[in-house]
Amino acid sequence: MKRIIIILIVIAVIAAGVTAIIYFSNMNDKFTTLNANDFEKAISDSQVTIVDVRTADEYSGGHIPNAINIDVNRAGFLYEADEKLPKDNTIAVYCQGGVRSRKAASLLSDNGYKVLNLNGGIKEWMSAGKETEQ
């Protein structure tokens, strides 16, 4: 009986892993993910709007200059995005480590925005010695 349970758990873990790989692979087709140096170059364009998708507390602890804060995990994320973000601008998103920004990038690109995502989030940004403000 224990052997069957272990086999079922292993199968479930493998299935979850395959599902995650497929999900994240498909998301990559909708937006562009950049390293910190390329992200910095991209956001220097006046036609790029920078969006920090972390919580307000995380944002107030330090963020990329000129970024606006729209928490991707708050109800009404897309509504708030539509209110604040120009559809004709490229939207550059980031979070703490890259997971939430991938979610936001997928949601925004599905909603008609051209989106750039910072690989590794603000952690990567800061380890590359890039500027932040409070």
N, C-alpha and C. Protein backbone atom coordinates (compact mmCIF):
# COMPACT_ATOMS: atom_id res chain seq x y z
N MET A 1 0.82 -1.19 0.00
CA MET A 1 0.00 0.00 0.00
C MET A 1 0.87 1.27 0.00
N LYS A 2 1.93 1.26 0.83
CA LYS A 2 2.83 2.41 0.87
C LYS A 2 3.50 2.63 -0.48
N ARG A 3 3.86 1.53 -1.13
CA ARG A 3 4.52 1.62 -2.43
C ARG A 3 3.60 2.29 -3.46
N ILE A 4 2.32 1.97 -3.46
CA ILE A 4 1.36 2.58 -4.38
C ILE A 4 1.23 4.07 -4.10
N ILE A 5 1.17 4.45 -2.84
CA ILE A 5 1.07 5.86 -2.48
C ILE A 5 2.30 6.62 -2.94
N ILE A 6 3.47 6.04 -2.74
CA ILE A 6 4.71 6.69 -3.18
C ILE A 6 4.73 6.84 -4.69
N ILE A 7 4.30 5.81 -5.41
CA ILE A 7 4.25 5.89 -6.87
C ILE A 7 3.29 6.98 -7.32
N LEU A 8 2.13 7.07 -6.69
CA LEU A 8 1.16 8.11 -7.04
C LEU A 8 1.72 9.51 -6.75
N ILE A 9 2.42 9.66 -5.65
CA ILE A 9 3.03 10.96 -5.32
C ILE A 9 4.08 11.33 -6.36
N VAL A 10 4.91 10.38 -6.74
CA VAL A 10 5.93 10.63 -7.76
C VAL A 10 5.28 11.03 -9.09
N ILE A 11 4.24 10.33 -9.47
CA ILE A 11 3.53 10.66 -10.71
C ILE A 11 2.94 12.07 -10.63
N ALA A 12 2.35 12.41 -9.49
CA ALA A 12 1.77 13.74 -9.32
C ALA A 12 2.83 14.83 -9.41
N VAL A 13 3.97 14.61 -8.80
CA VAL A 13 5.06 15.60 -8.83
C VAL A 13 5.58 15.77 -10.26
N ILE A 14 5.75 14.67 -10.97
CA ILE A 14 6.20 14.75 -12.36
C ILE A 14 5.18 15.48 -13.22
N ALA A 15 3.91 15.16 -13.04
CA ALA A 15 2.85 15.83 -13.81
C ALA A 15 2.83 17.33 -13.52
N ALA A 16 2.98 17.70 -12.26
CA ALA A 16 3.01 19.12 -11.90
C ALA A 16 4.20 19.82 -12.54
N GLY A 17 5.34 19.16 -12.55
CA GLY A 17 6.53 19.73 -13.17
C GLY A 17 6.37 19.93 -14.67
N VAL A 18 5.82 18.94 -15.33
CA VAL A 18 5.58 19.04 -16.78
C VAL A 18 4.58 20.16 -17.07
N THR A 19 3.53 20.24 -16.27
CA THR A 19 2.53 21.30 -16.44
C THR A 19 3.17 22.67 -16.27
N ALA A 20 4.00 22.84 -15.26
CA ALA A 20 4.68 24.12 -15.02
C ALA A 20 5.59 24.49 -16.19
N ILE A 21 6.33 23.51 -16.70
CA ILE A 21 7.22 23.78 -17.83
C ILE A 21 6.43 24.22 -19.05
N ILE A 22 5.34 23.54 -19.34
CA ILE A 22 4.51 23.90 -20.49
C ILE A 22 3.91 25.29 -20.29
N TYR A 23 3.41 25.55 -19.08
CA TYR A 23 2.78 26.85 -18.78
C TYR A 23 3.78 27.99 -18.97
N PHE A 24 4.97 27.87 -18.34
CA PHE A 24 5.94 28.95 -18.43
C PHE A 24 6.54 29.05 -19.83
N SER A 25 6.65 27.96 -20.55
CA SER A 25 7.15 28.02 -21.93
C SER A 25 6.17 28.78 -22.80
N ASN A 26 4.89 28.53 -22.65
CA ASN A 26 3.88 29.23 -23.44
C ASN A 26 3.82 30.71 -23.08
N MET A 27 4.06 31.04 -21.83
CA MET A 27 4.03 32.45 -21.42
C MET A 27 5.14 33.23 -22.11
N ASN A 28 6.28 32.60 -22.34
CA ASN A 28 7.40 33.29 -22.94
C ASN A 28 7.09 33.79 -24.35
N ASP A 29 6.16 33.17 -25.04
CA ASP A 29 5.81 33.59 -26.39
C ASP A 29 5.06 34.91 -26.40
N LYS A 30 4.52 35.35 -25.27
CA LYS A 30 3.66 36.52 -25.22
C LYS A 30 4.41 37.80 -24.86
N PHE A 31 5.56 37.69 -24.24
CA PHE A 31 6.30 38.87 -23.79
C PHE A 31 7.79 38.57 -23.84
N THR A 32 8.60 39.61 -23.65
CA THR A 32 10.05 39.47 -23.71
C THR A 32 10.64 39.61 -22.31
N THR A 33 11.48 38.67 -21.94
CA THR A 33 12.17 38.72 -20.65
C THR A 33 13.61 39.18 -20.88
N LEU A 34 14.03 40.18 -20.11
CA LEU A 34 15.35 40.78 -20.28
C LEU A 34 16.18 40.68 -19.01
N ASN A 35 17.50 40.64 -19.15
CA ASN A 35 18.37 40.73 -17.99
C ASN A 35 18.41 42.19 -17.52
N ALA A 36 19.07 42.44 -16.40
CA ALA A 36 19.06 43.79 -15.80
C ALA A 36 19.65 44.84 -16.73
N ASN A 37 20.73 44.53 -17.43
CA ASN A 37 21.35 45.52 -18.32
C ASN A 37 20.43 45.89 -19.48
N ASP A 38 19.84 44.87 -20.11
CA ASP A 38 18.94 45.13 -21.23
C ASP A 38 17.65 45.82 -20.77
N PHE A 39 17.16 45.45 -19.59
CA PHE A 39 15.97 46.09 -19.02
C PHE A 39 16.25 47.57 -18.78
N GLU A 40 17.44 47.88 -18.24
CA GLU A 40 17.81 49.27 -17.98
C GLU A 40 17.83 50.08 -19.27
N LYS A 41 18.38 49.51 -20.33
CA LYS A 41 18.39 50.19 -21.64
C LYS A 41 16.97 50.41 -22.12
N ALA A 42 16.13 49.39 -22.00
CA ALA A 42 14.75 49.48 -22.50
C ALA A 42 13.95 50.55 -21.77
N ILE A 43 14.10 50.64 -20.46
CA ILE A 43 13.28 51.60 -19.69
C ILE A 43 13.76 53.04 -19.83
N SER A 44 14.90 53.24 -20.50
CA SER A 44 15.35 54.61 -20.73
C SER A 44 14.53 55.29 -21.83
N ASP A 45 13.76 54.52 -22.58
CA ASP A 45 12.89 55.03 -23.63
C ASP A 45 11.65 55.68 -23.00
N SER A 46 11.31 56.86 -23.44
CA SER A 46 10.15 57.58 -22.88
C SER A 46 8.82 56.90 -23.21
N GLN A 47 8.83 55.97 -24.15
CA GLN A 47 7.61 55.24 -24.51
C GLN A 47 7.46 53.94 -23.73
N VAL A 48 8.23 53.79 -22.65
CA VAL A 48 8.16 52.61 -21.80
C VAL A 48 7.68 53.04 -20.41
N THR A 49 6.65 52.37 -19.92
CA THR A 49 6.12 52.62 -18.59
C THR A 49 6.58 51.48 -17.68
N ILE A 50 7.22 51.85 -16.56
CA ILE A 50 7.76 50.85 -15.63
C ILE A 50 6.72 50.56 -14.56
N VAL A 51 6.46 49.27 -14.33
CA VAL A 51 5.45 48.87 -13.34
C VAL A 51 6.06 47.86 -12.37
N ASP A 52 6.03 48.23 -11.10
CA ASP A 52 6.43 47.34 -10.01
C ASP A 52 5.16 46.61 -9.58
N VAL A 53 5.14 45.30 -9.72
CA VAL A 53 3.91 44.53 -9.44
C VAL A 53 3.91 43.91 -8.05
N ARG A 54 4.81 44.36 -7.17
CA ARG A 54 4.86 43.87 -5.79
C ARG A 54 3.82 44.59 -4.93
N THR A 55 3.79 44.24 -3.66
CA THR A 55 2.88 44.90 -2.72
C THR A 55 3.33 46.34 -2.49
N ALA A 56 2.44 47.15 -1.94
CA ALA A 56 2.78 48.54 -1.63
C ALA A 56 3.91 48.61 -0.62
N ASP A 57 3.92 47.71 0.36
CA ASP A 57 5.00 47.69 1.35
C ASP A 57 6.35 47.38 0.70
N GLU A 58 6.37 46.41 -0.19
CA GLU A 58 7.61 46.08 -0.89
C GLU A 58 8.08 47.27 -1.74
N TYR A 59 7.14 47.89 -2.42
CA TYR A 59 7.44 49.04 -3.28
C TYR A 59 8.04 50.18 -2.45
N SER A 60 7.45 50.46 -1.30
CA SER A 60 7.94 51.57 -0.47
C SER A 60 9.31 51.27 0.13
N GLY A 61 9.70 50.01 0.17
CA GLY A 61 11.02 49.64 0.66
C GLY A 61 12.13 49.88 -0.34
N GLY A 62 11.79 50.20 -1.56
CA GLY A 62 12.76 50.49 -2.61
C GLY A 62 12.29 49.95 -3.94
N HIS A 63 12.38 50.79 -4.96
CA HIS A 63 11.90 50.41 -6.29
C HIS A 63 12.76 51.09 -7.37
N ILE A 64 12.58 50.66 -8.58
CA ILE A 64 13.26 51.26 -9.72
C ILE A 64 12.69 52.67 -9.92
N PRO A 65 13.56 53.66 -10.14
CA PRO A 65 13.08 55.04 -10.33
C PRO A 65 12.01 55.12 -11.42
N ASN A 66 11.01 55.94 -11.16
CA ASN A 66 9.88 56.22 -12.07
C ASN A 66 8.90 55.07 -12.21
N ALA A 67 9.05 54.01 -11.42
CA ALA A 67 8.10 52.89 -11.50
C ALA A 67 6.82 53.24 -10.76
N ILE A 68 5.71 52.81 -11.34
CA ILE A 68 4.43 52.92 -10.64
C ILE A 68 4.12 51.55 -10.04
N ASN A 69 3.33 51.54 -8.99
CA ASN A 69 3.04 50.30 -8.28
C ASN A 69 1.62 49.84 -8.55
N ILE A 70 1.50 48.64 -9.11
CA ILE A 70 0.21 47.98 -9.28
C ILE A 70 0.41 46.53 -8.85
N ASP A 71 -0.10 46.16 -7.70
CA ASP A 71 0.09 44.83 -7.12
C ASP A 71 -0.67 43.79 -7.95
N VAL A 72 0.07 42.87 -8.55
CA VAL A 72 -0.53 41.86 -9.43
C VAL A 72 -1.44 40.90 -8.65
N ASN A 73 -1.21 40.73 -7.37
CA ASN A 73 -2.01 39.79 -6.58
C ASN A 73 -3.24 40.42 -5.94
N ARG A 74 -3.44 41.70 -6.16
CA ARG A 74 -4.63 42.35 -5.63
C ARG A 74 -5.79 42.20 -6.62
N ALA A 75 -6.97 42.05 -6.07
CA ALA A 75 -8.15 41.98 -6.93
C ALA A 75 -8.23 43.27 -7.75
N GLY A 76 -8.58 43.16 -8.99
CA GLY A 76 -8.71 44.33 -9.86
C GLY A 76 -7.41 44.76 -10.51
N PHE A 77 -6.43 43.87 -10.56
CA PHE A 77 -5.14 44.22 -11.18
C PHE A 77 -5.33 44.75 -12.60
N LEU A 78 -6.04 44.01 -13.44
CA LEU A 78 -6.21 44.43 -14.83
C LEU A 78 -7.02 45.72 -14.95
N TYR A 79 -8.01 45.88 -14.10
CA TYR A 79 -8.79 47.12 -14.12
C TYR A 79 -7.88 48.31 -13.80
N GLU A 80 -7.08 48.18 -12.74
CA GLU A 80 -6.16 49.25 -12.36
C GLU A 80 -5.13 49.50 -13.46
N ALA A 81 -4.64 48.43 -14.07
CA ALA A 81 -3.68 48.57 -15.16
C ALA A 81 -4.30 49.35 -16.32
N ASP A 82 -5.53 49.00 -16.68
CA ASP A 82 -6.20 49.71 -17.77
C ASP A 82 -6.43 51.18 -17.45
N GLU A 83 -6.62 51.50 -16.17
CA GLU A 83 -6.81 52.88 -15.76
C GLU A 83 -5.51 53.68 -15.82
N LYS A 84 -4.38 53.04 -15.51
CA LYS A 84 -3.12 53.75 -15.34
C LYS A 84 -2.13 53.62 -16.49
N LEU A 85 -2.25 52.58 -17.30
CA LEU A 85 -1.22 52.29 -18.29
C LEU A 85 -1.68 52.62 -19.71
N PRO A 86 -0.89 53.40 -20.43
CA PRO A 86 -1.23 53.69 -21.82
C PRO A 86 -1.00 52.47 -22.72
N LYS A 87 -2.00 52.14 -23.51
CA LYS A 87 -1.91 50.96 -24.39
C LYS A 87 -0.84 51.14 -25.46
N ASP A 88 -0.51 52.39 -25.81
CA ASP A 88 0.48 52.60 -26.86
C ASP A 88 1.92 52.56 -26.35
N ASN A 89 2.12 52.51 -25.04
CA ASN A 89 3.46 52.37 -24.47
C ASN A 89 3.81 50.90 -24.27
N THR A 90 5.09 50.62 -24.27
CA THR A 90 5.56 49.31 -23.83
C THR A 90 5.55 49.31 -22.32
N ILE A 91 5.12 48.22 -21.71
CA ILE A 91 5.04 48.11 -20.26
C ILE A 91 6.19 47.21 -19.79
N ALA A 92 7.02 47.74 -18.89
CA ALA A 92 8.16 47.00 -18.34
C ALA A 92 7.82 46.62 -16.90
N VAL A 93 7.68 45.33 -16.63
CA VAL A 93 7.26 44.87 -15.31
C VAL A 93 8.39 44.18 -14.57
N TYR A 94 8.32 44.29 -13.23
CA TYR A 94 9.25 43.55 -12.39
C TYR A 94 8.61 43.32 -11.03
N CYS A 95 9.16 42.36 -10.30
CA CYS A 95 8.71 42.06 -8.94
C CYS A 95 9.95 41.82 -8.09
N GLN A 96 9.84 41.00 -7.08
CA GLN A 96 10.98 40.72 -6.20
C GLN A 96 11.98 39.77 -6.84
N GLY A 97 11.48 38.64 -7.36
CA GLY A 97 12.39 37.64 -7.90
C GLY A 97 12.04 37.14 -9.28
N GLY A 98 10.91 37.56 -9.84
CA GLY A 98 10.57 37.20 -11.21
C GLY A 98 9.30 36.40 -11.41
N VAL A 99 8.74 35.83 -10.34
CA VAL A 99 7.55 34.99 -10.50
C VAL A 99 6.30 35.84 -10.73
N ARG A 100 6.06 36.81 -9.86
CA ARG A 100 4.86 37.64 -10.01
C ARG A 100 4.91 38.48 -11.27
N SER A 101 6.09 38.93 -11.67
CA SER A 101 6.16 39.73 -12.89
C SER A 101 5.86 38.90 -14.13
N ARG A 102 6.20 37.61 -14.11
CA ARG A 102 5.83 36.73 -15.23
C ARG A 102 4.31 36.61 -15.30
N LYS A 103 3.68 36.50 -14.14
CA LYS A 103 2.21 36.44 -14.09
C LYS A 103 1.63 37.74 -14.66
N ALA A 104 2.15 38.87 -14.19
CA ALA A 104 1.66 40.17 -14.67
C ALA A 104 1.91 40.34 -16.16
N ALA A 105 3.10 39.94 -16.62
CA ALA A 105 3.43 40.06 -18.04
C ALA A 105 2.46 39.25 -18.90
N SER A 106 2.14 38.07 -18.43
CA SER A 106 1.20 37.22 -19.17
C SER A 106 -0.19 37.86 -19.20
N LEU A 107 -0.67 38.33 -18.05
CA LEU A 107 -1.99 38.96 -17.99
C LEU A 107 -2.04 40.20 -18.87
N LEU A 108 -1.03 41.04 -18.78
CA LEU A 108 -1.02 42.28 -19.56
C LEU A 108 -0.90 42.01 -21.05
N SER A 109 -0.05 41.08 -21.43
CA SER A 109 0.10 40.79 -22.86
C SER A 109 -1.20 40.18 -23.42
N ASP A 110 -1.87 39.37 -22.62
CA ASP A 110 -3.17 38.83 -23.03
C ASP A 110 -4.21 39.93 -23.19
N ASN A 111 -3.97 41.05 -22.51
CA ASN A 111 -4.91 42.17 -22.54
C ASN A 111 -4.49 43.24 -23.55
N GLY A 112 -3.55 42.92 -24.43
CA GLY A 112 -3.21 43.81 -25.53
C GLY A 112 -2.00 44.70 -25.33
N TYR A 113 -1.28 44.56 -24.25
CA TYR A 113 -0.10 45.37 -24.01
C TYR A 113 1.14 44.68 -24.57
N LYS A 114 2.11 45.49 -25.00
CA LYS A 114 3.44 44.98 -25.33
C LYS A 114 4.21 45.03 -24.03
N VAL A 115 4.80 43.89 -23.61
CA VAL A 115 5.35 43.78 -22.27
C VAL A 115 6.79 43.28 -22.27
N LEU A 116 7.59 43.91 -21.41
CA LEU A 116 8.95 43.46 -21.10
C LEU A 116 8.97 43.02 -19.64
N ASN A 117 9.69 41.97 -19.35
CA ASN A 117 9.77 41.43 -17.99
C ASN A 117 11.22 41.40 -17.54
N LEU A 118 11.49 41.86 -16.31
CA LEU A 118 12.84 41.83 -15.75
C LEU A 118 13.11 40.45 -15.17
N ASN A 119 14.03 39.72 -15.77
CA ASN A 119 14.40 38.40 -15.29
C ASN A 119 15.08 38.53 -13.92
N GLY A 120 14.58 37.79 -12.94
CA GLY A 120 15.18 37.82 -11.61
C GLY A 120 14.71 38.96 -10.73
N GLY A 121 13.84 39.81 -11.26
CA GLY A 121 13.24 40.87 -10.46
C GLY A 121 14.22 41.89 -9.92
N ILE A 122 13.75 42.63 -8.91
CA ILE A 122 14.57 43.70 -8.34
C ILE A 122 15.81 43.13 -7.64
N LYS A 123 15.75 41.88 -7.22
CA LYS A 123 16.95 41.24 -6.64
C LYS A 123 18.07 41.24 -7.67
N GLU A 124 17.76 40.84 -8.89
CA GLU A 124 18.76 40.82 -9.96
C GLU A 124 19.21 42.24 -10.30
N TRP A 125 18.25 43.16 -10.32
CA TRP A 125 18.53 44.57 -10.60
C TRP A 125 19.54 45.12 -9.61
N MET A 126 19.29 44.86 -8.32
CA MET A 126 20.16 45.38 -7.28
C MET A 126 21.52 44.68 -7.29
N SER A 127 21.55 43.37 -7.55
CA SER A 127 22.86 42.71 -7.59
C SER A 127 23.69 43.13 -8.77
N ALA A 128 23.05 43.70 -9.79
CA ALA A 128 23.78 44.25 -10.93
C ALA A 128 24.22 45.70 -10.66
N GLY A 129 23.92 46.21 -9.46
CA GLY A 129 24.35 47.55 -9.06
C GLY A 129 23.51 48.67 -9.66
N LYS A 130 22.28 48.36 -10.03
CA LYS A 130 21.40 49.37 -10.65
C LYS A 130 20.73 50.23 -9.58
N GLU A 131 20.32 51.41 -9.99
CA GLU A 131 19.74 52.41 -9.08
C GLU A 131 18.34 52.04 -8.61
N THR A 132 18.07 52.32 -7.34
CA THR A 132 16.72 52.23 -6.78
C THR A 132 16.44 53.50 -6.00
N GLU A 133 15.17 53.72 -5.72
CA GLU A 133 14.77 54.85 -4.88
C GLU A 133 13.66 54.41 -3.95
N GLN A 134 13.42 55.24 -2.92
CA GLN A 134 12.36 54.92 -1.97
C GLN A 134 11.22 55.90 -2.06
